[in-house]
Amino acid sequence: MKEVLDFTTSVVKSFHQQHNYGKSKNQDLMQHCRSSVEKYLFSILHGLLLDIYLSKSTNDDRTLVQKAGQFRKIKGRELMRLLEFKEKYMIVTEEEEEKGRVAYGNSINLVNKVEDTPYPHEKLGFIMQMYAKMKTDVIDFSKGRFELEAMDDQMPVFIYIMIMAKFVNPLTEMNMLLDYLRYEDKDYDTEQLLVTNLQASLMYILKEFNPEQVP
């Protein structure tokens, strides 16, 4: 990952030297240069990078997918109780659940899209949208009475969402994104915190949240 981002930086610097210095008319165009170069490189190299990261976490991914499948058989409210949700964040009633409504369904749909694109910026965009949506869903369900702000309250929701999301290689995806954020030269503090929390959620499912806990 580091080599890919270093090469991206090198190419972008070369473009700037050749086409931007002293040419104010190119200023607007050149600000999109890095994202374009990066998108092109990842469209070519994503498969190779995925194979490299899969070699490190295939077994864990397989176990996670199996365990998540088991837990998805539990009714949503019961699963949230097992994850020690506070009642105010269990944003689905028993009646709604019987009709097929899934709590945090929009957030789950957004995080499901992470594997659909090879581009890190788009993956991070879906994760940021997921985070915003899970918070607004709490506000909407409670009619403005509650907000999902404290990290201790957010972590059970992250775990629930990662159980409900239908990833093929969940840990691999988070590991790739964390490396991308580690070597990218932009300020991605919020994104890094979110991906770290999602990775921690996956490790909790893998190592601590055991099928024996299911009634």
N, C-alpha and C. Protein backbone atom coordinates (compact mmCIF):
# COMPACT_ATOMS: atom_id res chain seq x y z
N MET A 1 0.83 -1.20 0.00
CA MET A 1 0.00 0.00 0.00
C MET A 1 0.87 1.26 0.00
N LYS A 2 1.92 1.26 0.82
CA LYS A 2 2.79 2.43 0.90
C LYS A 2 3.41 2.74 -0.45
N GLU A 3 3.84 1.70 -1.16
CA GLU A 3 4.47 1.90 -2.46
C GLU A 3 3.50 2.51 -3.46
N VAL A 4 2.25 2.09 -3.42
CA VAL A 4 1.24 2.62 -4.34
C VAL A 4 1.03 4.11 -4.07
N LEU A 5 0.92 4.48 -2.81
CA LEU A 5 0.66 5.89 -2.47
C LEU A 5 1.90 6.74 -2.72
N ASP A 6 3.09 6.18 -2.50
CA ASP A 6 4.32 6.92 -2.81
C ASP A 6 4.42 7.19 -4.31
N PHE A 7 4.06 6.19 -5.10
CA PHE A 7 4.10 6.36 -6.56
C PHE A 7 3.06 7.40 -7.00
N THR A 8 1.88 7.37 -6.36
CA THR A 8 0.85 8.37 -6.66
C THR A 8 1.38 9.77 -6.41
N THR A 9 2.03 9.96 -5.27
CA THR A 9 2.60 11.27 -4.93
C THR A 9 3.63 11.70 -5.96
N SER A 10 4.47 10.76 -6.38
CA SER A 10 5.50 11.06 -7.36
C SER A 10 4.90 11.50 -8.69
N VAL A 11 3.86 10.79 -9.12
CA VAL A 11 3.21 11.14 -10.39
C VAL A 11 2.55 12.51 -10.30
N VAL A 12 1.88 12.77 -9.20
CA VAL A 12 1.21 14.05 -9.02
C VAL A 12 2.22 15.21 -9.01
N LYS A 13 3.33 15.02 -8.33
CA LYS A 13 4.37 16.06 -8.32
C LYS A 13 4.89 16.33 -9.72
N SER A 14 5.05 15.26 -10.49
CA SER A 14 5.53 15.41 -11.86
C SER A 14 4.54 16.20 -12.71
N PHE A 15 3.24 15.90 -12.56
CA PHE A 15 2.22 16.64 -13.30
C PHE A 15 2.25 18.12 -12.92
N HIS A 16 2.38 18.38 -11.62
CA HIS A 16 2.38 19.77 -11.17
C HIS A 16 3.58 20.52 -11.72
N GLN A 17 4.72 19.89 -11.74
CA GLN A 17 5.93 20.54 -12.25
C GLN A 17 5.82 20.86 -13.73
N GLN A 18 5.18 19.96 -14.47
CA GLN A 18 5.12 20.13 -15.92
C GLN A 18 3.97 21.02 -16.37
N HIS A 19 2.85 21.00 -15.63
CA HIS A 19 1.65 21.64 -16.15
C HIS A 19 1.06 22.74 -15.28
N ASN A 20 1.58 22.92 -14.07
CA ASN A 20 0.90 23.85 -13.17
C ASN A 20 1.74 25.06 -12.79
N TYR A 21 3.02 24.89 -12.58
CA TYR A 21 3.83 25.99 -12.08
C TYR A 21 3.76 27.20 -13.01
N GLY A 22 3.33 28.30 -12.43
CA GLY A 22 3.28 29.55 -13.18
C GLY A 22 2.09 29.65 -14.12
N LYS A 23 1.18 28.69 -14.06
CA LYS A 23 0.04 28.70 -14.97
C LYS A 23 -1.25 28.70 -14.15
N SER A 24 -1.72 29.88 -13.83
CA SER A 24 -2.88 30.01 -12.95
C SER A 24 -4.13 29.39 -13.55
N LYS A 25 -4.21 29.31 -14.87
CA LYS A 25 -5.41 28.75 -15.50
C LYS A 25 -5.55 27.25 -15.22
N ASN A 26 -4.45 26.60 -14.78
CA ASN A 26 -4.50 25.17 -14.48
C ASN A 26 -4.77 24.86 -13.02
N GLN A 27 -4.89 25.89 -12.20
CA GLN A 27 -5.04 25.69 -10.77
C GLN A 27 -6.26 24.81 -10.44
N ASP A 28 -7.39 25.13 -11.02
CA ASP A 28 -8.61 24.38 -10.71
C ASP A 28 -8.50 22.93 -11.17
N LEU A 29 -7.90 22.73 -12.31
CA LEU A 29 -7.76 21.39 -12.85
C LEU A 29 -6.82 20.53 -12.01
N MET A 30 -5.71 21.11 -11.58
CA MET A 30 -4.68 20.33 -10.90
C MET A 30 -5.10 19.88 -9.51
N GLN A 31 -6.06 20.54 -8.89
CA GLN A 31 -6.49 20.12 -7.56
C GLN A 31 -7.19 18.76 -7.60
N HIS A 32 -7.62 18.35 -8.78
CA HIS A 32 -8.25 17.03 -8.94
C HIS A 32 -7.26 15.97 -9.41
N CYS A 33 -6.03 16.37 -9.57
CA CYS A 33 -5.03 15.48 -10.16
C CYS A 33 -4.80 14.24 -9.31
N ARG A 34 -4.58 14.43 -8.01
CA ARG A 34 -4.25 13.29 -7.16
C ARG A 34 -5.37 12.25 -7.14
N SER A 35 -6.61 12.70 -6.99
CA SER A 35 -7.71 11.74 -6.93
C SER A 35 -7.84 10.97 -8.24
N SER A 36 -7.57 11.64 -9.36
CA SER A 36 -7.66 10.97 -10.65
C SER A 36 -6.56 9.93 -10.82
N VAL A 37 -5.34 10.30 -10.45
CA VAL A 37 -4.22 9.36 -10.56
C VAL A 37 -4.44 8.17 -9.63
N GLU A 38 -4.86 8.47 -8.42
CA GLU A 38 -5.09 7.40 -7.44
C GLU A 38 -6.19 6.45 -7.91
N LYS A 39 -7.25 7.02 -8.48
CA LYS A 39 -8.35 6.18 -8.95
C LYS A 39 -7.88 5.27 -10.09
N TYR A 40 -7.08 5.81 -10.97
CA TYR A 40 -6.55 5.00 -12.08
C TYR A 40 -5.69 3.86 -11.56
N LEU A 41 -4.80 4.15 -10.62
CA LEU A 41 -3.89 3.13 -10.09
C LEU A 41 -4.66 2.03 -9.36
N PHE A 42 -5.64 2.42 -8.56
CA PHE A 42 -6.38 1.41 -7.81
C PHE A 42 -7.30 0.59 -8.72
N SER A 43 -7.73 1.17 -9.84
CA SER A 43 -8.53 0.38 -10.79
C SER A 43 -7.70 -0.76 -11.38
N ILE A 44 -6.39 -0.55 -11.45
CA ILE A 44 -5.48 -1.57 -12.00
C ILE A 44 -4.97 -2.51 -10.91
N LEU A 45 -4.66 -1.96 -9.74
CA LEU A 45 -3.93 -2.71 -8.72
C LEU A 45 -4.79 -3.30 -7.61
N HIS A 46 -6.07 -2.95 -7.58
CA HIS A 46 -6.90 -3.38 -6.45
C HIS A 46 -6.92 -4.89 -6.28
N GLY A 47 -7.04 -5.62 -7.38
CA GLY A 47 -7.08 -7.09 -7.29
C GLY A 47 -5.82 -7.66 -6.69
N LEU A 48 -4.67 -7.11 -7.10
CA LEU A 48 -3.39 -7.57 -6.55
C LEU A 48 -3.28 -7.23 -5.07
N LEU A 49 -3.65 -6.00 -4.70
CA LEU A 49 -3.60 -5.61 -3.30
C LEU A 49 -4.54 -6.47 -2.45
N LEU A 50 -5.72 -6.73 -2.98
CA LEU A 50 -6.69 -7.55 -2.24
C LEU A 50 -6.11 -8.94 -1.97
N ASP A 51 -5.46 -9.52 -2.96
CA ASP A 51 -4.87 -10.85 -2.78
C ASP A 51 -3.80 -10.84 -1.69
N ILE A 52 -3.00 -9.77 -1.66
CA ILE A 52 -1.94 -9.67 -0.65
C ILE A 52 -2.54 -9.61 0.75
N TYR A 53 -3.58 -8.78 0.92
CA TYR A 53 -4.20 -8.65 2.24
C TYR A 53 -5.01 -9.89 2.61
N LEU A 54 -5.61 -10.52 1.61
CA LEU A 54 -6.36 -11.75 1.88
C LEU A 54 -5.46 -12.85 2.41
N SER A 55 -4.23 -12.87 1.94
CA SER A 55 -3.30 -13.91 2.39
C SER A 55 -3.03 -13.82 3.88
N LYS A 56 -3.27 -12.64 4.46
CA LYS A 56 -3.02 -12.43 5.88
C LYS A 56 -4.25 -12.67 6.75
N SER A 57 -5.45 -12.63 6.15
CA SER A 57 -6.64 -12.67 7.00
C SER A 57 -7.78 -13.52 6.44
N THR A 58 -7.49 -14.41 5.48
CA THR A 58 -8.56 -15.22 4.87
C THR A 58 -9.30 -16.05 5.91
N ASN A 59 -8.55 -16.72 6.80
CA ASN A 59 -9.19 -17.58 7.80
C ASN A 59 -10.08 -16.78 8.75
N ASP A 60 -9.57 -15.63 9.17
CA ASP A 60 -10.38 -14.78 10.05
C ASP A 60 -11.63 -14.28 9.34
N ASP A 61 -11.49 -13.90 8.08
CA ASP A 61 -12.66 -13.45 7.32
C ASP A 61 -13.70 -14.56 7.21
N ARG A 62 -13.24 -15.77 6.95
CA ARG A 62 -14.16 -16.89 6.81
C ARG A 62 -14.91 -17.13 8.12
N THR A 63 -14.18 -17.07 9.23
CA THR A 63 -14.81 -17.26 10.54
C THR A 63 -15.80 -16.15 10.84
N LEU A 64 -15.42 -14.92 10.52
CA LEU A 64 -16.31 -13.78 10.75
C LEU A 64 -17.61 -13.90 9.97
N VAL A 65 -17.51 -14.29 8.71
CA VAL A 65 -18.69 -14.43 7.87
C VAL A 65 -19.61 -15.51 8.42
N GLN A 66 -19.02 -16.61 8.88
CA GLN A 66 -19.82 -17.70 9.45
C GLN A 66 -20.52 -17.26 10.74
N LYS A 67 -19.77 -16.58 11.62
CA LYS A 67 -20.35 -16.15 12.88
C LYS A 67 -21.44 -15.10 12.66
N ALA A 68 -21.17 -14.15 11.76
CA ALA A 68 -22.16 -13.12 11.48
C ALA A 68 -23.44 -13.75 10.94
N GLY A 69 -23.29 -14.76 10.09
CA GLY A 69 -24.46 -15.46 9.56
C GLY A 69 -25.28 -16.11 10.67
N GLN A 70 -24.61 -16.67 11.68
CA GLN A 70 -25.31 -17.24 12.82
C GLN A 70 -26.08 -16.18 13.59
N PHE A 71 -25.42 -15.06 13.83
CA PHE A 71 -26.05 -14.02 14.63
C PHE A 71 -27.18 -13.32 13.91
N ARG A 72 -27.13 -13.30 12.58
CA ARG A 72 -28.22 -12.66 11.83
C ARG A 72 -29.53 -13.44 11.94
N LYS A 73 -29.45 -14.68 12.41
CA LYS A 73 -30.65 -15.48 12.60
C LYS A 73 -31.44 -15.03 13.84
N ILE A 74 -30.77 -14.27 14.71
CA ILE A 74 -31.42 -13.77 15.92
C ILE A 74 -32.25 -12.54 15.56
N LYS A 75 -33.41 -12.39 16.16
CA LYS A 75 -34.20 -11.19 15.94
C LYS A 75 -33.41 -9.96 16.36
N GLY A 76 -33.62 -8.87 15.64
CA GLY A 76 -32.82 -7.67 15.83
C GLY A 76 -32.79 -7.14 17.25
N ARG A 77 -33.93 -7.04 17.88
CA ARG A 77 -33.96 -6.50 19.23
C ARG A 77 -33.25 -7.43 20.21
N GLU A 78 -33.37 -8.73 20.02
CA GLU A 78 -32.67 -9.67 20.89
C GLU A 78 -31.16 -9.58 20.67
N LEU A 79 -30.75 -9.43 19.43
CA LEU A 79 -29.32 -9.26 19.14
C LEU A 79 -28.80 -7.99 19.79
N MET A 80 -29.57 -6.93 19.73
CA MET A 80 -29.13 -5.68 20.36
C MET A 80 -29.05 -5.82 21.88
N ARG A 81 -29.94 -6.62 22.47
CA ARG A 81 -29.84 -6.87 23.91
C ARG A 81 -28.55 -7.63 24.23
N LEU A 82 -28.23 -8.62 23.41
CA LEU A 82 -26.99 -9.38 23.63
C LEU A 82 -25.76 -8.47 23.53
N LEU A 83 -25.88 -7.45 22.69
CA LEU A 83 -24.77 -6.49 22.52
C LEU A 83 -24.82 -5.36 23.54
N GLU A 84 -25.77 -5.45 24.47
CA GLU A 84 -25.90 -4.49 25.58
C GLU A 84 -26.20 -3.07 25.10
N PHE A 85 -27.10 -2.99 24.12
CA PHE A 85 -27.61 -1.68 23.71
C PHE A 85 -28.39 -1.06 24.85
N LYS A 86 -28.32 0.25 24.95
CA LYS A 86 -29.29 0.97 25.76
C LYS A 86 -30.62 0.97 25.00
N GLU A 87 -31.70 0.89 25.71
CA GLU A 87 -33.02 0.79 25.09
C GLU A 87 -33.27 1.92 24.10
N LYS A 88 -32.82 3.11 24.41
CA LYS A 88 -33.11 4.26 23.54
C LYS A 88 -32.42 4.18 22.18
N TYR A 89 -31.43 3.29 22.07
CA TYR A 89 -30.75 3.13 20.78
C TYR A 89 -31.21 1.89 20.02
N MET A 90 -32.19 1.19 20.55
CA MET A 90 -32.79 0.05 19.86
C MET A 90 -33.92 0.60 19.00
N ILE A 91 -33.57 1.14 17.86
CA ILE A 91 -34.50 2.00 17.11
C ILE A 91 -35.43 1.19 16.20
N VAL A 92 -36.06 0.19 16.77
CA VAL A 92 -37.12 -0.54 16.09
C VAL A 92 -38.03 -1.14 17.16
N THR A 93 -39.32 -1.03 16.98
CA THR A 93 -40.26 -1.63 17.93
C THR A 93 -40.46 -3.10 17.58
N GLU A 94 -41.00 -3.85 18.52
CA GLU A 94 -41.28 -5.26 18.24
C GLU A 94 -42.28 -5.41 17.10
N GLU A 95 -43.25 -4.50 17.05
CA GLU A 95 -44.26 -4.55 15.99
C GLU A 95 -43.61 -4.27 14.63
N GLU A 96 -42.74 -3.29 14.57
CA GLU A 96 -42.05 -2.98 13.31
C GLU A 96 -41.16 -4.13 12.89
N GLU A 97 -40.52 -4.76 13.85
CA GLU A 97 -39.64 -5.88 13.55
C GLU A 97 -40.42 -7.06 12.97
N GLU A 98 -41.61 -7.28 13.49
CA GLU A 98 -42.45 -8.36 12.97
C GLU A 98 -42.85 -8.09 11.51
N LYS A 99 -42.88 -6.83 11.15
CA LYS A 99 -43.23 -6.47 9.77
C LYS A 99 -42.02 -6.43 8.85
N GLY A 100 -40.85 -6.76 9.40
CA GLY A 100 -39.66 -6.86 8.57
C GLY A 100 -38.72 -5.67 8.60
N ARG A 101 -39.02 -4.67 9.43
CA ARG A 101 -38.12 -3.52 9.51
C ARG A 101 -36.85 -3.89 10.25
N VAL A 102 -35.72 -3.44 9.74
CA VAL A 102 -34.41 -3.72 10.34
C VAL A 102 -33.85 -2.42 10.91
N ALA A 103 -33.49 -2.44 12.19
CA ALA A 103 -32.89 -1.25 12.80
C ALA A 103 -31.57 -0.92 12.11
N TYR A 104 -31.34 0.37 11.88
CA TYR A 104 -30.12 0.86 11.22
C TYR A 104 -29.96 0.27 9.82
N GLY A 105 -31.10 0.00 9.18
CA GLY A 105 -31.07 -0.62 7.86
C GLY A 105 -30.33 0.20 6.82
N ASN A 106 -30.51 1.52 6.84
CA ASN A 106 -29.83 2.37 5.86
C ASN A 106 -28.31 2.37 6.08
N SER A 107 -27.90 2.35 7.33
CA SER A 107 -26.46 2.30 7.64
C SER A 107 -25.86 0.97 7.17
N ILE A 108 -26.61 -0.10 7.37
CA ILE A 108 -26.15 -1.41 6.91
C ILE A 108 -26.00 -1.43 5.39
N ASN A 109 -26.97 -0.86 4.69
CA ASN A 109 -26.90 -0.82 3.23
C ASN A 109 -25.70 -0.02 2.74
N LEU A 110 -25.38 1.05 3.44
CA LEU A 110 -24.23 1.87 3.04
C LEU A 110 -22.91 1.13 3.25
N VAL A 111 -22.77 0.47 4.39
CA VAL A 111 -21.50 -0.22 4.65
C VAL A 111 -21.37 -1.45 3.74
N ASN A 112 -22.49 -1.99 3.28
CA ASN A 112 -22.44 -3.10 2.32
C ASN A 112 -21.78 -2.69 1.00
N LYS A 113 -21.81 -1.39 0.70
CA LYS A 113 -21.27 -0.91 -0.56
C LYS A 113 -19.74 -0.80 -0.55
N VAL A 114 -19.13 -0.94 0.62
CA VAL A 114 -17.67 -0.78 0.72
C VAL A 114 -16.94 -1.75 -0.20
N GLU A 115 -17.43 -2.97 -0.28
CA GLU A 115 -16.75 -3.96 -1.12
C GLU A 115 -17.09 -3.83 -2.60
N ASP A 116 -18.04 -2.96 -2.93
CA ASP A 116 -18.47 -2.83 -4.33
C ASP A 116 -17.54 -1.96 -5.17
N THR A 117 -16.64 -1.23 -4.54
CA THR A 117 -15.76 -0.32 -5.26
C THR A 117 -14.30 -0.61 -4.93
N PRO A 118 -13.39 -0.48 -5.88
CA PRO A 118 -11.97 -0.67 -5.60
C PRO A 118 -11.28 0.59 -5.05
N TYR A 119 -12.01 1.70 -5.02
CA TYR A 119 -11.36 2.98 -4.72
C TYR A 119 -11.47 3.35 -3.24
N PRO A 120 -10.34 3.54 -2.55
CA PRO A 120 -10.36 3.85 -1.12
C PRO A 120 -11.21 5.08 -0.77
N HIS A 121 -11.13 6.13 -1.60
CA HIS A 121 -11.92 7.34 -1.30
C HIS A 121 -13.41 7.03 -1.27
N GLU A 122 -13.87 6.19 -2.19
CA GLU A 122 -15.28 5.84 -2.22
C GLU A 122 -15.65 4.94 -1.04
N LYS A 123 -14.78 4.02 -0.69
CA LYS A 123 -15.01 3.16 0.48
C LYS A 123 -15.18 4.02 1.73
N LEU A 124 -14.26 4.97 1.90
CA LEU A 124 -14.33 5.86 3.06
C LEU A 124 -15.58 6.73 3.02
N GLY A 125 -15.98 7.12 1.82
CA GLY A 125 -17.20 7.91 1.68
C GLY A 125 -18.43 7.15 2.17
N PHE A 126 -18.50 5.87 1.83
CA PHE A 126 -19.63 5.05 2.29
C PHE A 126 -19.61 4.91 3.81
N ILE A 127 -18.43 4.76 4.38
CA ILE A 127 -18.32 4.62 5.84
C ILE A 127 -18.73 5.91 6.53
N MET A 128 -18.31 7.05 5.99
CA MET A 128 -18.70 8.33 6.58
C MET A 128 -20.22 8.53 6.48
N GLN A 129 -20.81 8.15 5.34
CA GLN A 129 -22.26 8.25 5.20
C GLN A 129 -22.97 7.32 6.19
N MET A 130 -22.43 6.12 6.37
CA MET A 130 -22.99 5.18 7.34
C MET A 130 -23.02 5.78 8.73
N TYR A 131 -21.91 6.41 9.12
CA TYR A 131 -21.79 7.01 10.45
C TYR A 131 -22.81 8.13 10.64
N ALA A 132 -22.93 8.98 9.63
CA ALA A 132 -23.90 10.08 9.71
C ALA A 132 -25.32 9.54 9.78
N LYS A 133 -25.60 8.51 9.00
CA LYS A 133 -26.97 7.98 8.95
C LYS A 133 -27.35 7.30 10.25
N MET A 134 -26.43 6.56 10.88
CA MET A 134 -26.79 5.87 12.12
C MET A 134 -27.10 6.87 13.22
N LYS A 135 -26.44 8.04 13.18
CA LYS A 135 -26.72 9.05 14.19
C LYS A 135 -28.04 9.77 13.92
N THR A 136 -28.30 10.07 12.65
CA THR A 136 -29.57 10.76 12.35
C THR A 136 -30.76 9.82 12.54
N ASP A 137 -30.55 8.51 12.33
CA ASP A 137 -31.65 7.57 12.56
C ASP A 137 -32.09 7.56 14.02
N VAL A 138 -31.13 7.70 14.94
CA VAL A 138 -31.47 7.76 16.37
C VAL A 138 -32.27 9.03 16.66
N ILE A 139 -31.83 10.15 16.10
CA ILE A 139 -32.54 11.41 16.30
C ILE A 139 -33.96 11.32 15.75
N ASP A 140 -34.08 10.75 14.54
CA ASP A 140 -35.40 10.65 13.90
C ASP A 140 -36.33 9.71 14.69
N PHE A 141 -35.82 8.55 15.10
CA PHE A 141 -36.64 7.58 15.81
C PHE A 141 -37.13 8.12 17.15
N SER A 142 -36.24 8.88 17.82
CA SER A 142 -36.59 9.42 19.14
C SER A 142 -37.28 10.77 19.06
N LYS A 143 -37.49 11.24 17.80
CA LYS A 143 -38.10 12.56 17.58
C LYS A 143 -37.31 13.66 18.28
N GLY A 144 -35.99 13.54 18.17
CA GLY A 144 -35.10 14.58 18.67
C GLY A 144 -34.76 14.50 20.14
N ARG A 145 -35.25 13.49 20.85
CA ARG A 145 -34.98 13.40 22.29
C ARG A 145 -33.57 12.88 22.59
N PHE A 146 -33.04 12.02 21.72
CA PHE A 146 -31.74 11.39 22.00
C PHE A 146 -30.79 11.55 20.83
N GLU A 147 -29.50 11.56 21.17
CA GLU A 147 -28.45 11.56 20.17
C GLU A 147 -27.45 10.45 20.49
N LEU A 148 -26.82 9.94 19.45
CA LEU A 148 -25.84 8.88 19.60
C LEU A 148 -24.45 9.50 19.51
N GLU A 149 -23.92 9.94 20.66
CA GLU A 149 -22.67 10.69 20.66
C GLU A 149 -21.53 9.97 21.39
N ALA A 150 -21.79 9.39 22.54
CA ALA A 150 -20.73 8.79 23.35
C ALA A 150 -20.19 7.53 22.67
N MET A 151 -18.87 7.36 22.71
CA MET A 151 -18.26 6.20 22.08
C MET A 151 -18.74 4.90 22.69
N ASP A 152 -18.98 4.88 23.99
CA ASP A 152 -19.48 3.67 24.65
C ASP A 152 -20.85 3.26 24.11
N ASP A 153 -21.61 4.24 23.65
CA ASP A 153 -22.92 3.95 23.07
C ASP A 153 -22.80 3.59 21.59
N GLN A 154 -21.82 4.15 20.92
CA GLN A 154 -21.66 3.90 19.49
C GLN A 154 -21.09 2.51 19.20
N MET A 155 -20.20 2.00 20.06
CA MET A 155 -19.54 0.74 19.75
C MET A 155 -20.52 -0.43 19.58
N PRO A 156 -21.53 -0.60 20.46
CA PRO A 156 -22.49 -1.68 20.21
C PRO A 156 -23.20 -1.55 18.87
N VAL A 157 -23.45 -0.30 18.44
CA VAL A 157 -24.10 -0.09 17.15
C VAL A 157 -23.17 -0.48 16.02
N PHE A 158 -21.89 -0.12 16.13
CA PHE A 158 -20.92 -0.54 15.11
C PHE A 158 -20.87 -2.07 15.01
N ILE A 159 -20.84 -2.74 16.15
CA ILE A 159 -20.77 -4.20 16.16
C ILE A 159 -22.02 -4.78 15.50
N TYR A 160 -23.18 -4.25 15.86
CA TYR A 160 -24.44 -4.71 15.28
C TYR A 160 -24.43 -4.53 13.76
N ILE A 161 -24.00 -3.36 13.30
CA ILE A 161 -23.98 -3.08 11.86
C ILE A 161 -23.03 -4.04 11.14
N MET A 162 -21.87 -4.33 11.74
CA MET A 162 -20.92 -5.23 11.09
C MET A 162 -21.41 -6.67 11.10
N ILE A 163 -22.23 -7.03 12.07
CA ILE A 163 -22.85 -8.37 12.04
C ILE A 163 -23.89 -8.42 10.93
N MET A 164 -24.68 -7.39 10.80
CA MET A 164 -25.78 -7.38 9.84
C MET A 164 -25.30 -7.16 8.40
N ALA A 165 -24.16 -6.50 8.23
CA ALA A 165 -23.62 -6.26 6.88
C ALA A 165 -23.16 -7.59 6.28
N LYS A 166 -23.36 -7.74 4.99
CA LYS A 166 -23.02 -9.00 4.32
C LYS A 166 -21.71 -8.86 3.54
N PHE A 167 -20.63 -8.72 4.31
CA PHE A 167 -19.29 -8.67 3.73
C PHE A 167 -18.85 -10.05 3.29
N VAL A 168 -17.94 -10.08 2.32
CA VAL A 168 -17.24 -11.31 1.95
C VAL A 168 -15.91 -11.37 2.69
N ASN A 169 -15.21 -10.23 2.73
CA ASN A 169 -13.89 -10.16 3.37
C ASN A 169 -13.82 -8.95 4.30
N PRO A 170 -14.56 -8.97 5.40
CA PRO A 170 -14.70 -7.76 6.23
C PRO A 170 -13.38 -7.28 6.84
N LEU A 171 -12.62 -8.18 7.45
CA LEU A 171 -11.39 -7.76 8.11
C LEU A 171 -10.35 -7.31 7.10
N THR A 172 -10.29 -7.99 5.96
CA THR A 172 -9.38 -7.60 4.90
C THR A 172 -9.65 -6.17 4.45
N GLU A 173 -10.93 -5.83 4.27
CA GLU A 173 -11.28 -4.48 3.83
C GLU A 173 -10.84 -3.43 4.84
N MET A 174 -11.08 -3.68 6.12
CA MET A 174 -10.71 -2.69 7.14
C MET A 174 -9.18 -2.58 7.26
N ASN A 175 -8.49 -3.70 7.14
CA ASN A 175 -7.02 -3.66 7.21
C ASN A 175 -6.44 -2.86 6.05
N MET A 176 -7.00 -3.05 4.86
CA MET A 176 -6.54 -2.28 3.70
C MET A 176 -6.77 -0.80 3.89
N LEU A 177 -7.95 -0.45 4.39
CA LEU A 177 -8.27 0.96 4.58
C LEU A 177 -7.39 1.60 5.65
N LEU A 178 -7.11 0.86 6.72
CA LEU A 178 -6.25 1.41 7.76
C LEU A 178 -4.84 1.67 7.24
N ASP A 179 -4.33 0.78 6.41
CA ASP A 179 -3.02 1.02 5.81
C ASP A 179 -3.06 2.20 4.85
N TYR A 180 -4.13 2.31 4.09
CA TYR A 180 -4.28 3.45 3.20
C TYR A 180 -4.25 4.76 3.99
N LEU A 181 -5.00 4.81 5.08
CA LEU A 181 -5.06 6.02 5.90
C LEU A 181 -3.73 6.29 6.60
N ARG A 182 -3.02 5.23 6.92
CA ARG A 182 -1.73 5.39 7.60
C ARG A 182 -0.71 6.06 6.69
N TYR A 183 -0.75 5.76 5.41
CA TYR A 183 0.27 6.26 4.48
C TYR A 183 -0.21 7.43 3.63
N GLU A 184 -1.50 7.71 3.62
CA GLU A 184 -2.01 8.84 2.87
C GLU A 184 -1.56 10.14 3.54
N ASP A 185 -1.28 11.16 2.73
CA ASP A 185 -0.70 12.40 3.29
C ASP A 185 -1.76 13.46 3.61
N LYS A 186 -3.02 13.07 3.62
CA LYS A 186 -4.07 14.03 3.97
C LYS A 186 -4.50 13.82 5.43
N ASP A 187 -5.28 14.78 5.92
CA ASP A 187 -5.78 14.72 7.29
C ASP A 187 -7.07 13.91 7.31
N TYR A 188 -6.98 12.67 7.80
CA TYR A 188 -8.12 11.77 7.81
C TYR A 188 -8.42 11.29 9.23
N ASP A 189 -8.36 12.17 10.20
CA ASP A 189 -8.52 11.76 11.60
C ASP A 189 -9.87 11.09 11.85
N THR A 190 -10.94 11.70 11.36
CA THR A 190 -12.28 11.13 11.59
C THR A 190 -12.42 9.78 10.92
N GLU A 191 -11.98 9.70 9.66
CA GLU A 191 -12.07 8.44 8.92
C GLU A 191 -11.24 7.35 9.60
N GLN A 192 -10.05 7.72 10.08
CA GLN A 192 -9.20 6.72 10.72
C GLN A 192 -9.84 6.20 12.01
N LEU A 193 -10.46 7.09 12.76
CA LEU A 193 -11.14 6.66 13.99
C LEU A 193 -12.30 5.72 13.66
N LEU A 194 -13.06 6.04 12.63
CA LEU A 194 -14.19 5.20 12.26
C LEU A 194 -13.74 3.81 11.79
N VAL A 195 -12.75 3.77 10.92
CA VAL A 195 -12.28 2.48 10.41
C VAL A 195 -11.66 1.66 11.54
N THR A 196 -10.95 2.32 12.45
CA THR A 196 -10.38 1.63 13.61
C THR A 196 -11.49 1.02 14.46
N ASN A 197 -12.58 1.77 14.65
CA ASN A 197 -13.70 1.26 15.44
C ASN A 197 -14.39 0.09 14.74
N LEU A 198 -14.50 0.15 13.43
CA LEU A 198 -15.11 -0.96 12.69
C LEU A 198 -14.22 -2.19 12.74
N GLN A 199 -12.92 -1.98 12.64
CA GLN A 199 -12.00 -3.12 12.78
C GLN A 199 -12.09 -3.73 14.18
N ALA A 200 -12.15 -2.87 15.20
CA ALA A 200 -12.29 -3.35 16.58
C ALA A 200 -13.60 -4.11 16.75
N SER A 201 -14.65 -3.64 16.09
CA SER A 201 -15.94 -4.35 16.15
C SER A 201 -15.82 -5.75 15.56
N LEU A 202 -15.12 -5.85 14.44
CA LEU A 202 -14.92 -7.16 13.82
C LEU A 202 -14.11 -8.09 14.71
N MET A 203 -13.09 -7.55 15.37
CA MET A 203 -12.27 -8.37 16.25
C MET A 203 -13.08 -8.83 17.47
N TYR A 204 -14.00 -8.00 17.92
CA TYR A 204 -14.88 -8.40 19.02
C TYR A 204 -15.78 -9.57 18.59
N ILE A 205 -16.35 -9.45 17.41
CA ILE A 205 -17.18 -10.54 16.89
C ILE A 205 -16.35 -11.81 16.75
N LEU A 206 -15.14 -11.66 16.26
CA LEU A 206 -14.27 -12.81 16.00
C LEU A 206 -13.81 -13.49 17.27
N LYS A 207 -13.40 -12.68 18.26
CA LYS A 207 -12.71 -13.24 19.42
C LYS A 207 -13.57 -13.36 20.69
N GLU A 208 -14.57 -12.49 20.84
CA GLU A 208 -15.26 -12.41 22.13
C GLU A 208 -16.75 -12.71 22.09
N PHE A 209 -17.40 -12.35 21.01
CA PHE A 209 -18.86 -12.53 20.94
C PHE A 209 -19.13 -13.92 20.39
N ASN A 210 -19.31 -14.89 21.28
CA ASN A 210 -19.31 -16.29 20.89
C ASN A 210 -20.72 -16.83 20.68
N PRO A 211 -20.86 -17.83 19.80
CA PRO A 211 -22.19 -18.42 19.55
C PRO A 211 -22.85 -18.97 20.81
N GLU A 212 -22.05 -19.34 21.81
CA GLU A 212 -22.62 -19.85 23.06
C GLU A 212 -23.49 -18.83 23.76
N GLN A 213 -23.30 -17.54 23.41
CA GLN A 213 -24.12 -16.51 24.03
C GLN A 213 -25.53 -16.46 23.45
N VAL A 214 -25.75 -17.14 22.34
CA VAL A 214 -27.06 -17.11 21.72
C VAL A 214 -28.00 -18.04 22.47
N PRO A 215 -29.16 -17.54 22.90
CA PRO A 215 -30.10 -18.39 23.64
C PRO A 215 -30.56 -19.57 22.78
